[in-house]
């Protein structure tokens, strides 16, 4: 199973971004998904 993220980048204050995270693999089911960040 792999999680592949995309959508980050540089944006000006007030702007918008959309992050995506796709789960690939087999024989899995999702209990919980979330986003975390670290500065």
ModelCIF file with pLDDT and N, C-alpha, C, O atoms, coordinates in Angstrom:
data_MODEL
#
_entry.id   MODEL 
#
_entity.id                         1 
_entity.type                       polymer 
_entity.pdbx_number_of_molecules   1 
#
_entity_poly.entity_id                      1 
_entity_poly.type                           'polypeptide(L)' 
_entity_poly.nstd_linkage                   no 
_entity_poly.nstd_monomer                   no 
_entity_poly.pdbx_seq_one_letter_code       
;(UNK)(UNK)(UNK)(UNK)(UNK)(UNK)(UNK)(UNK)(UNK)(UNK)(UNK)(UNK)(UNK)(UNK)(UNK)(UNK)
(UNK)(UNK)(UNK)(UNK)(UNK)(UNK)(UNK)(UNK)(UNK)(UNK)(UNK)(UNK)(UNK)(UNK)(UNK)(UNK)
(UNK)(UNK)(UNK)(UNK)(UNK)(UNK)(UNK)
;
_entity_poly.pdbx_seq_one_letter_code_can   XXXXXXXXXXXXXXXXXXXXXXXXXXXXXXXXXXXXXXX 
_entity_poly.pdbx_strand_id                 A 
#
loop_
_entity_poly_seq.entity_id 
_entity_poly_seq.num 
_entity_poly_seq.mon_id 
_entity_poly_seq.hetero 
1 1  UNK n 
1 2  UNK n 
1 3  UNK n 
1 4  UNK n 
1 5  UNK n 
1 6  UNK n 
1 7  UNK n 
1 8  UNK n 
1 9  UNK n 
1 10 UNK n 
1 11 UNK n 
1 12 UNK n 
1 13 UNK n 
1 14 UNK n 
1 15 UNK n 
1 16 UNK n 
1 17 UNK n 
1 18 UNK n 
1 19 UNK n 
1 20 UNK n 
1 21 UNK n 
1 22 UNK n 
1 23 UNK n 
1 24 UNK n 
1 25 UNK n 
1 26 UNK n 
1 27 UNK n 
1 28 UNK n 
1 29 UNK n 
1 30 UNK n 
1 31 UNK n 
1 32 UNK n 
1 33 UNK n 
1 34 UNK n 
1 35 UNK n 
1 36 UNK n 
1 37 UNK n 
1 38 UNK n 
1 39 UNK n 
#
_struct_asym.id          A 
_struct_asym.entity_id   1 
#
loop_
_ma_qa_metric.id 
_ma_qa_metric.mode 
_ma_qa_metric.name 
_ma_qa_metric.software_group_id 
_ma_qa_metric.type 
1 global pLDDT . pLDDT 
2 local  pLDDT . pLDDT 
#
_ma_qa_metric_global.metric_id      1 
_ma_qa_metric_global.metric_value   95.54 
_ma_qa_metric_global.model_id       1 
_ma_qa_metric_global.ordinal_id     1 
#
loop_
_ma_qa_metric_local.label_asym_id 
_ma_qa_metric_local.label_comp_id 
_ma_qa_metric_local.label_seq_id 
_ma_qa_metric_local.metric_id 
_ma_qa_metric_local.metric_value 
_ma_qa_metric_local.model_id 
_ma_qa_metric_local.ordinal_id 
A UNK 1  2 92.00 1 1  
A UNK 2  2 94.00 1 2  
A UNK 3  2 96.00 1 3  
A UNK 4  2 96.00 1 4  
A UNK 5  2 97.00 1 5  
A UNK 6  2 96.00 1 6  
A UNK 7  2 96.00 1 7  
A UNK 8  2 97.00 1 8  
A UNK 9  2 97.00 1 9  
A UNK 10 2 98.00 1 10 
A UNK 11 2 98.00 1 11 
A UNK 12 2 98.00 1 12 
A UNK 13 2 98.00 1 13 
A UNK 14 2 98.00 1 14 
A UNK 15 2 98.00 1 15 
A UNK 16 2 98.00 1 16 
A UNK 17 2 98.00 1 17 
A UNK 18 2 98.00 1 18 
A UNK 19 2 98.00 1 19 
A UNK 20 2 98.00 1 20 
A UNK 21 2 97.00 1 21 
A UNK 22 2 96.00 1 22 
A UNK 23 2 96.00 1 23 
A UNK 24 2 94.00 1 24 
A UNK 25 2 92.00 1 25 
A UNK 26 2 89.00 1 26 
A UNK 27 2 90.00 1 27 
A UNK 28 2 92.00 1 28 
A UNK 29 2 91.00 1 29 
A UNK 30 2 90.00 1 30 
A UNK 31 2 90.00 1 31 
A UNK 32 2 92.00 1 32 
A UNK 33 2 93.00 1 33 
A UNK 34 2 96.00 1 34 
A UNK 35 2 98.00 1 35 
A UNK 36 2 98.00 1 36 
A UNK 37 2 98.00 1 37 
A UNK 38 2 98.00 1 38 
A UNK 39 2 97.00 1 39 
#
loop_
_atom_site.group_PDB 
_atom_site.id 
_atom_site.type_symbol 
_atom_site.label_atom_id 
_atom_site.label_alt_id 
_atom_site.label_comp_id 
_atom_site.label_asym_id 
_atom_site.label_entity_id 
_atom_site.label_seq_id 
_atom_site.pdbx_PDB_ins_code 
_atom_site.Cartn_x 
_atom_site.Cartn_y 
_atom_site.Cartn_z 
_atom_site.occupancy 
_atom_site.B_iso_or_equiv 
_atom_site.pdbx_formal_charge 
_atom_site.auth_seq_id 
_atom_site.auth_comp_id 
_atom_site.auth_asym_id 
_atom_site.auth_atom_id 
_atom_site.pdbx_PDB_model_num 
ATOM 1   N N  . UNK A 1 1  ? 0.846   -1.179 0.000  1.00 92.00 ? 1  UNK A N  1 
ATOM 2   C CA . UNK A 1 1  ? 0.000   0.000  0.000  1.00 92.00 ? 1  UNK A CA 1 
ATOM 3   C C  . UNK A 1 1  ? 0.885   1.233  0.000  1.00 92.00 ? 1  UNK A C  1 
ATOM 4   O O  . UNK A 1 1  ? 1.882   1.293  0.719  1.00 92.00 ? 1  UNK A O  1 
ATOM 5   N N  . UNK A 1 2  ? 0.516   2.213  -0.807 1.00 94.00 ? 2  UNK A N  1 
ATOM 6   C CA . UNK A 1 2  ? 1.256   3.460  -0.885 1.00 94.00 ? 2  UNK A CA 1 
ATOM 7   C C  . UNK A 1 2  ? 0.307   4.642  -0.872 1.00 94.00 ? 2  UNK A C  1 
ATOM 8   O O  . UNK A 1 2  ? -0.811  4.566  -1.381 1.00 94.00 ? 2  UNK A O  1 
ATOM 9   N N  . UNK A 1 3  ? 0.770   5.738  -0.282 1.00 96.00 ? 3  UNK A N  1 
ATOM 10  C CA . UNK A 1 3  ? 0.060   7.000  -0.299 1.00 96.00 ? 3  UNK A CA 1 
ATOM 11  C C  . UNK A 1 3  ? 0.892   7.995  -1.094 1.00 96.00 ? 3  UNK A C  1 
ATOM 12  O O  . UNK A 1 3  ? 2.059   8.223  -0.777 1.00 96.00 ? 3  UNK A O  1 
ATOM 13  N N  . UNK A 1 4  ? 0.304   8.583  -2.116 1.00 96.00 ? 4  UNK A N  1 
ATOM 14  C CA . UNK A 1 4  ? 0.997   9.524  -2.978 1.00 96.00 ? 4  UNK A CA 1 
ATOM 15  C C  . UNK A 1 4  ? 0.312   10.867 -2.883 1.00 96.00 ? 4  UNK A C  1 
ATOM 16  O O  . UNK A 1 4  ? -0.874  10.992 -3.190 1.00 96.00 ? 4  UNK A O  1 
ATOM 17  N N  . UNK A 1 5  ? 1.068   11.887 -2.454 1.00 97.00 ? 5  UNK A N  1 
ATOM 18  C CA . UNK A 1 5  ? 0.543   13.225 -2.274 1.00 97.00 ? 5  UNK A CA 1 
ATOM 19  C C  . UNK A 1 5  ? 0.898   14.118 -3.455 1.00 97.00 ? 5  UNK A C  1 
ATOM 20  O O  . UNK A 1 5  ? 1.900   13.904 -4.138 1.00 97.00 ? 5  UNK A O  1 
ATOM 21  N N  . UNK A 1 6  ? 0.069   15.108 -3.677 1.00 96.00 ? 6  UNK A N  1 
ATOM 22  C CA . UNK A 1 6  ? 0.336   16.113 -4.690 1.00 96.00 ? 6  UNK A CA 1 
ATOM 23  C C  . UNK A 1 6  ? -0.431  17.379 -4.347 1.00 96.00 ? 6  UNK A C  1 
ATOM 24  O O  . UNK A 1 6  ? -1.351  17.356 -3.529 1.00 96.00 ? 6  UNK A O  1 
ATOM 25  N N  . UNK A 1 7  ? -0.049  18.479 -4.976 1.00 96.00 ? 7  UNK A N  1 
ATOM 26  C CA . UNK A 1 7  ? -0.804  19.706 -4.854 1.00 96.00 ? 7  UNK A CA 1 
ATOM 27  C C  . UNK A 1 7  ? -0.135  20.829 -4.087 1.00 96.00 ? 7  UNK A C  1 
ATOM 28  O O  . UNK A 1 7  ? -0.642  21.951 -4.077 1.00 96.00 ? 7  UNK A O  1 
ATOM 29  N N  . UNK A 1 8  ? 0.989   20.555 -3.446 1.00 97.00 ? 8  UNK A N  1 
ATOM 30  C CA . UNK A 1 8  ? 1.675   21.607 -2.722 1.00 97.00 ? 8  UNK A CA 1 
ATOM 31  C C  . UNK A 1 8  ? 2.323   22.606 -3.657 1.00 97.00 ? 8  UNK A C  1 
ATOM 32  O O  . UNK A 1 8  ? 2.390   22.397 -4.868 1.00 97.00 ? 8  UNK A O  1 
ATOM 33  N N  . UNK A 1 9  ? 2.796   23.690 -3.079 1.00 97.00 ? 9  UNK A N  1 
ATOM 34  C CA . UNK A 1 9  ? 3.458   24.708 -3.873 1.00 97.00 ? 9  UNK A CA 1 
ATOM 35  C C  . UNK A 1 9  ? 3.544   26.021 -3.150 1.00 97.00 ? 9  UNK A C  1 
ATOM 36  O O  . UNK A 1 9  ? 3.326   26.107 -1.941 1.00 97.00 ? 9  UNK A O  1 
ATOM 37  N N  . UNK A 1 10 ? 3.864   27.044 -3.908 1.00 98.00 ? 10 UNK A N  1 
ATOM 38  C CA . UNK A 1 10 ? 4.001   28.402 -3.401 1.00 98.00 ? 10 UNK A CA 1 
ATOM 39  C C  . UNK A 1 10 ? 2.777   29.211 -3.803 1.00 98.00 ? 10 UNK A C  1 
ATOM 40  O O  . UNK A 1 10 ? 2.369   29.211 -4.964 1.00 98.00 ? 10 UNK A O  1 
ATOM 41  N N  . UNK A 1 11 ? 2.204   29.896 -2.834 1.00 98.00 ? 11 UNK A N  1 
ATOM 42  C CA . UNK A 1 11 ? 1.018   30.690 -3.084 1.00 98.00 ? 11 UNK A CA 1 
ATOM 43  C C  . UNK A 1 11 ? 1.077   31.951 -2.235 1.00 98.00 ? 11 UNK A C  1 
ATOM 44  O O  . UNK A 1 11 ? 1.654   31.947 -1.148 1.00 98.00 ? 11 UNK A O  1 
ATOM 45  N N  . UNK A 1 12 ? 0.489   33.012 -2.723 1.00 98.00 ? 12 UNK A N  1 
ATOM 46  C CA . UNK A 1 12 ? 0.427   34.249 -1.967 1.00 98.00 ? 12 UNK A CA 1 
ATOM 47  C C  . UNK A 1 12 ? -0.655  34.172 -0.897 1.00 98.00 ? 12 UNK A C  1 
ATOM 48  O O  . UNK A 1 12 ? -1.628  33.429 -1.026 1.00 98.00 ? 12 UNK A O  1 
ATOM 49  N N  . UNK A 1 13 ? -0.466  34.951 0.153  1.00 98.00 ? 13 UNK A N  1 
ATOM 50  C CA . UNK A 1 13 ? -1.473  35.018 1.206  1.00 98.00 ? 13 UNK A CA 1 
ATOM 51  C C  . UNK A 1 13 ? -2.832  35.359 0.616  1.00 98.00 ? 13 UNK A C  1 
ATOM 52  O O  . UNK A 1 13 ? -2.957  36.229 -0.245 1.00 98.00 ? 13 UNK A O  1 
ATOM 53  N N  . UNK A 1 14 ? -3.844  34.653 1.099  1.00 98.00 ? 14 UNK A N  1 
ATOM 54  C CA . UNK A 1 14 ? -5.184  34.823 0.583  1.00 98.00 ? 14 UNK A CA 1 
ATOM 55  C C  . UNK A 1 14 ? -5.538  33.875 -0.537 1.00 98.00 ? 14 UNK A C  1 
ATOM 56  O O  . UNK A 1 14 ? -6.703  33.776 -0.920 1.00 98.00 ? 14 UNK A O  1 
ATOM 57  N N  . UNK A 1 15 ? -4.552  33.176 -1.069 1.00 98.00 ? 15 UNK A N  1 
ATOM 58  C CA . UNK A 1 15 ? -4.782  32.251 -2.148 1.00 98.00 ? 15 UNK A CA 1 
ATOM 59  C C  . UNK A 1 15 ? -5.248  30.895 -1.668 1.00 98.00 ? 15 UNK A C  1 
ATOM 60  O O  . UNK A 1 15 ? -5.509  30.688 -0.483 1.00 98.00 ? 15 UNK A O  1 
ATOM 61  N N  . UNK A 1 16 ? -5.348  29.970 -2.619 1.00 98.00 ? 16 UNK A N  1 
ATOM 62  C CA . UNK A 1 16 ? -5.875  28.643 -2.337 1.00 98.00 ? 16 UNK A CA 1 
ATOM 63  C C  . UNK A 1 16 ? -4.993  27.569 -2.945 1.00 98.00 ? 16 UNK A C  1 
ATOM 64  O O  . UNK A 1 16 ? -4.327  27.783 -3.958 1.00 98.00 ? 16 UNK A O  1 
ATOM 65  N N  . UNK A 1 17 ? -5.004  26.415 -2.307 1.00 98.00 ? 17 UNK A N  1 
ATOM 66  C CA . UNK A 1 17 ? -4.369  25.215 -2.821 1.00 98.00 ? 17 UNK A CA 1 
ATOM 67  C C  . UNK A 1 17 ? -5.251  24.028 -2.487 1.00 98.00 ? 17 UNK A C  1 
ATOM 68  O O  . UNK A 1 17 ? -6.006  24.052 -1.515 1.00 98.00 ? 17 UNK A O  1 
ATOM 69  N N  . UNK A 1 18 ? -5.149  22.996 -3.296 1.00 98.00 ? 18 UNK A N  1 
ATOM 70  C CA . UNK A 1 18 ? -5.854  21.758 -3.031 1.00 98.00 ? 18 UNK A CA 1 
ATOM 71  C C  . UNK A 1 18 ? -4.863  20.608 -3.034 1.00 98.00 ? 18 UNK A C  1 
ATOM 72  O O  . UNK A 1 18 ? -4.238  20.316 -4.053 1.00 98.00 ? 18 UNK A O  1 
ATOM 73  N N  . UNK A 1 19 ? -4.727  19.964 -1.896 1.00 98.00 ? 19 UNK A N  1 
ATOM 74  C CA . UNK A 1 19 ? -3.856  18.815 -1.766 1.00 98.00 ? 19 UNK A CA 1 
ATOM 75  C C  . UNK A 1 19 ? -4.637  17.536 -2.028 1.00 98.00 ? 19 UNK A C  1 
ATOM 76  O O  . UNK A 1 19 ? -5.818  17.433 -1.694 1.00 98.00 ? 19 UNK A O  1 
ATOM 77  N N  . UNK A 1 20 ? -3.962  16.566 -2.630 1.00 98.00 ? 20 UNK A N  1 
ATOM 78  C CA . UNK A 1 20 ? -4.560  15.278 -2.905 1.00 98.00 ? 20 UNK A CA 1 
ATOM 79  C C  . UNK A 1 20 ? -3.680  14.175 -2.343 1.00 98.00 ? 20 UNK A C  1 
ATOM 80  O O  . UNK A 1 20 ? -2.456  14.304 -2.299 1.00 98.00 ? 20 UNK A O  1 
ATOM 81  N N  . UNK A 1 21 ? -4.303  13.108 -1.922 1.00 97.00 ? 21 UNK A N  1 
ATOM 82  C CA . UNK A 1 21 ? -3.594  11.942 -1.423 1.00 97.00 ? 21 UNK A CA 1 
ATOM 83  C C  . UNK A 1 21 ? -4.327  10.709 -1.907 1.00 97.00 ? 21 UNK A C  1 
ATOM 84  O O  . UNK A 1 21 ? -5.466  10.455 -1.516 1.00 97.00 ? 21 UNK A O  1 
ATOM 85  N N  . UNK A 1 22 ? -3.669  9.949  -2.760 1.00 96.00 ? 22 UNK A N  1 
ATOM 86  C CA . UNK A 1 22 ? -4.263  8.753  -3.337 1.00 96.00 ? 22 UNK A CA 1 
ATOM 87  C C  . UNK A 1 22 ? -3.659  7.506  -2.706 1.00 96.00 ? 22 UNK A C  1 
ATOM 88  O O  . UNK A 1 22 ? -2.441  7.389  -2.575 1.00 96.00 ? 22 UNK A O  1 
ATOM 89  N N  . UNK A 1 23 ? -4.511  6.597  -2.325 1.00 96.00 ? 23 UNK A N  1 
ATOM 90  C CA . UNK A 1 23 ? -4.091  5.334  -1.739 1.00 96.00 ? 23 UNK A CA 1 
ATOM 91  C C  . UNK A 1 23 ? -4.146  4.262  -2.812 1.00 96.00 ? 23 UNK A C  1 
ATOM 92  O O  . UNK A 1 23 ? -5.183  4.065  -3.445 1.00 96.00 ? 23 UNK A O  1 
ATOM 93  N N  . UNK A 1 24 ? -3.044  3.575  -3.019 1.00 94.00 ? 24 UNK A N  1 
ATOM 94  C CA . UNK A 1 24 ? -2.988  2.494  -3.985 1.00 94.00 ? 24 UNK A CA 1 
ATOM 95  C C  . UNK A 1 24 ? -2.647  1.190  -3.281 1.00 94.00 ? 24 UNK A C  1 
ATOM 96  O O  . UNK A 1 24 ? -1.960  1.178  -2.259 1.00 94.00 ? 24 UNK A O  1 
ATOM 97  N N  . UNK A 1 25 ? -3.133  0.107  -3.837 1.00 92.00 ? 25 UNK A N  1 
ATOM 98  C CA . UNK A 1 25 ? -2.894  -1.198 -3.267 1.00 92.00 ? 25 UNK A CA 1 
ATOM 99  C C  . UNK A 1 25 ? -4.116  -2.062 -3.441 1.00 92.00 ? 25 UNK A C  1 
ATOM 100 O O  . UNK A 1 25 ? -4.979  -1.789 -4.275 1.00 92.00 ? 25 UNK A O  1 
ATOM 101 N N  . UNK A 1 26 ? -4.178  -3.091 -2.656 1.00 89.00 ? 26 UNK A N  1 
ATOM 102 C CA . UNK A 1 26 ? -5.293  -4.020 -2.738 1.00 89.00 ? 26 UNK A CA 1 
ATOM 103 C C  . UNK A 1 26 ? -5.635  -4.544 -1.357 1.00 89.00 ? 26 UNK A C  1 
ATOM 104 O O  . UNK A 1 26 ? -4.835  -4.479 -0.424 1.00 89.00 ? 26 UNK A O  1 
ATOM 105 N N  . UNK A 1 27 ? -6.824  -5.056 -1.258 1.00 90.00 ? 27 UNK A N  1 
ATOM 106 C CA . UNK A 1 27 ? -7.284  -5.683 -0.021 1.00 90.00 ? 27 UNK A CA 1 
ATOM 107 C C  . UNK A 1 27 ? -7.178  -4.753 1.180  1.00 90.00 ? 27 UNK A C  1 
ATOM 108 O O  . UNK A 1 27 ? -6.754  -5.163 2.260  1.00 90.00 ? 27 UNK A O  1 
ATOM 109 N N  . UNK A 1 28 ? -7.562  -3.514 0.983  1.00 92.00 ? 28 UNK A N  1 
ATOM 110 C CA . UNK A 1 28 ? -7.559  -2.579 2.098  1.00 92.00 ? 28 UNK A CA 1 
ATOM 111 C C  . UNK A 1 28 ? -8.892  -1.870 2.206  1.00 92.00 ? 28 UNK A C  1 
ATOM 112 O O  . UNK A 1 28 ? -9.643  -1.749 1.238  1.00 92.00 ? 28 UNK A O  1 
ATOM 113 N N  . UNK A 1 29 ? -9.155  -1.415 3.393  1.00 91.00 ? 29 UNK A N  1 
ATOM 114 C CA . UNK A 1 29 ? -10.289 -0.544 3.648  1.00 91.00 ? 29 UNK A CA 1 
ATOM 115 C C  . UNK A 1 29 ? -9.829  0.574  4.572  1.00 91.00 ? 29 UNK A C  1 
ATOM 116 O O  . UNK A 1 29 ? -8.930  0.378  5.389  1.00 91.00 ? 29 UNK A O  1 
ATOM 117 N N  . UNK A 1 30 ? -10.431 1.722  4.447  1.00 90.00 ? 30 UNK A N  1 
ATOM 118 C CA . UNK A 1 30 ? -10.001 2.907  5.167  1.00 90.00 ? 30 UNK A CA 1 
ATOM 119 C C  . UNK A 1 30 ? -10.761 3.038  6.475  1.00 90.00 ? 30 UNK A C  1 
ATOM 120 O O  . UNK A 1 30 ? -11.991 3.063  6.500  1.00 90.00 ? 30 UNK A O  1 
ATOM 121 N N  . UNK A 1 31 ? -10.010 3.120  7.550  1.00 90.00 ? 31 UNK A N  1 
ATOM 122 C CA . UNK A 1 31 ? -10.603 3.415  8.849  1.00 90.00 ? 31 UNK A CA 1 
ATOM 123 C C  . UNK A 1 31 ? -10.657 4.924  9.087  1.00 90.00 ? 31 UNK A C  1 
ATOM 124 O O  . UNK A 1 31 ? -11.705 5.474  9.427  1.00 90.00 ? 31 UNK A O  1 
ATOM 125 N N  . UNK A 1 32 ? -9.516  5.578  8.905  1.00 92.00 ? 32 UNK A N  1 
ATOM 126 C CA . UNK A 1 32 ? -9.389  7.010  9.126  1.00 92.00 ? 32 UNK A CA 1 
ATOM 127 C C  . UNK A 1 32 ? -8.364  7.570  8.154  1.00 92.00 ? 32 UNK A C  1 
ATOM 128 O O  . UNK A 1 32 ? -7.352  6.924  7.880  1.00 92.00 ? 32 UNK A O  1 
ATOM 129 N N  . UNK A 1 33 ? -8.612  8.756  7.634  1.00 93.00 ? 33 UNK A N  1 
ATOM 130 C CA . UNK A 1 33 ? -7.616  9.481  6.866  1.00 93.00 ? 33 UNK A CA 1 
ATOM 131 C C  . UNK A 1 33 ? -7.566  10.913 7.359  1.00 93.00 ? 33 UNK A C  1 
ATOM 132 O O  . UNK A 1 33 ? -8.559  11.462 7.837  1.00 93.00 ? 33 UNK A O  1 
ATOM 133 N N  . UNK A 1 34 ? -6.393  11.502 7.235  1.00 96.00 ? 34 UNK A N  1 
ATOM 134 C CA . UNK A 1 34 ? -6.256  12.859 7.706  1.00 96.00 ? 34 UNK A CA 1 
ATOM 135 C C  . UNK A 1 34 ? -5.027  13.547 7.155  1.00 96.00 ? 34 UNK A C  1 
ATOM 136 O O  . UNK A 1 34 ? -4.195  12.944 6.477  1.00 96.00 ? 34 UNK A O  1 
ATOM 137 N N  . UNK A 1 35 ? -4.941  14.831 7.469  1.00 98.00 ? 35 UNK A N  1 
ATOM 138 C CA . UNK A 1 35 ? -3.818  15.655 7.077  1.00 98.00 ? 35 UNK A CA 1 
ATOM 139 C C  . UNK A 1 35 ? -3.152  16.238 8.315  1.00 98.00 ? 35 UNK A C  1 
ATOM 140 O O  . UNK A 1 35 ? -3.820  16.705 9.238  1.00 98.00 ? 35 UNK A O  1 
ATOM 141 N N  . UNK A 1 36 ? -1.838  16.204 8.316  1.00 98.00 ? 36 UNK A N  1 
ATOM 142 C CA . UNK A 1 36 ? -1.016  16.749 9.378  1.00 98.00 ? 36 UNK A CA 1 
ATOM 143 C C  . UNK A 1 36 ? 0.020   17.666 8.754  1.00 98.00 ? 36 UNK A C  1 
ATOM 144 O O  . UNK A 1 36 ? 0.327   17.553 7.567  1.00 98.00 ? 36 UNK A O  1 
ATOM 145 N N  . UNK A 1 37 ? 0.556   18.569 9.554  1.00 98.00 ? 37 UNK A N  1 
ATOM 146 C CA . UNK A 1 37 ? 1.577   19.459 9.033  1.00 98.00 ? 37 UNK A CA 1 
ATOM 147 C C  . UNK A 1 37 ? 2.639   19.712 10.090 1.00 98.00 ? 37 UNK A C  1 
ATOM 148 O O  . UNK A 1 37 ? 2.394   19.601 11.291 1.00 98.00 ? 37 UNK A O  1 
ATOM 149 N N  . UNK A 1 38 ? 3.822   20.054 9.607  1.00 98.00 ? 38 UNK A N  1 
ATOM 150 C CA . UNK A 1 38 ? 4.933   20.355 10.491 1.00 98.00 ? 38 UNK A CA 1 
ATOM 151 C C  . UNK A 1 38 ? 5.747   21.494 9.908  1.00 98.00 ? 38 UNK A C  1 
ATOM 152 O O  . UNK A 1 38 ? 6.266   21.400 8.795  1.00 98.00 ? 38 UNK A O  1 
ATOM 153 N N  . UNK A 1 39 ? 5.851   22.560 10.666 1.00 97.00 ? 39 UNK A N  1 
ATOM 154 C CA . UNK A 1 39 ? 6.678   23.696 10.296 1.00 97.00 ? 39 UNK A CA 1 
ATOM 155 C C  . UNK A 1 39 ? 8.056   23.543 10.921 1.00 97.00 ? 39 UNK A C  1 
ATOM 156 O O  . UNK A 1 39 ? 8.918   24.401 10.733 1.00 97.00 ? 39 UNK A O  1 
#
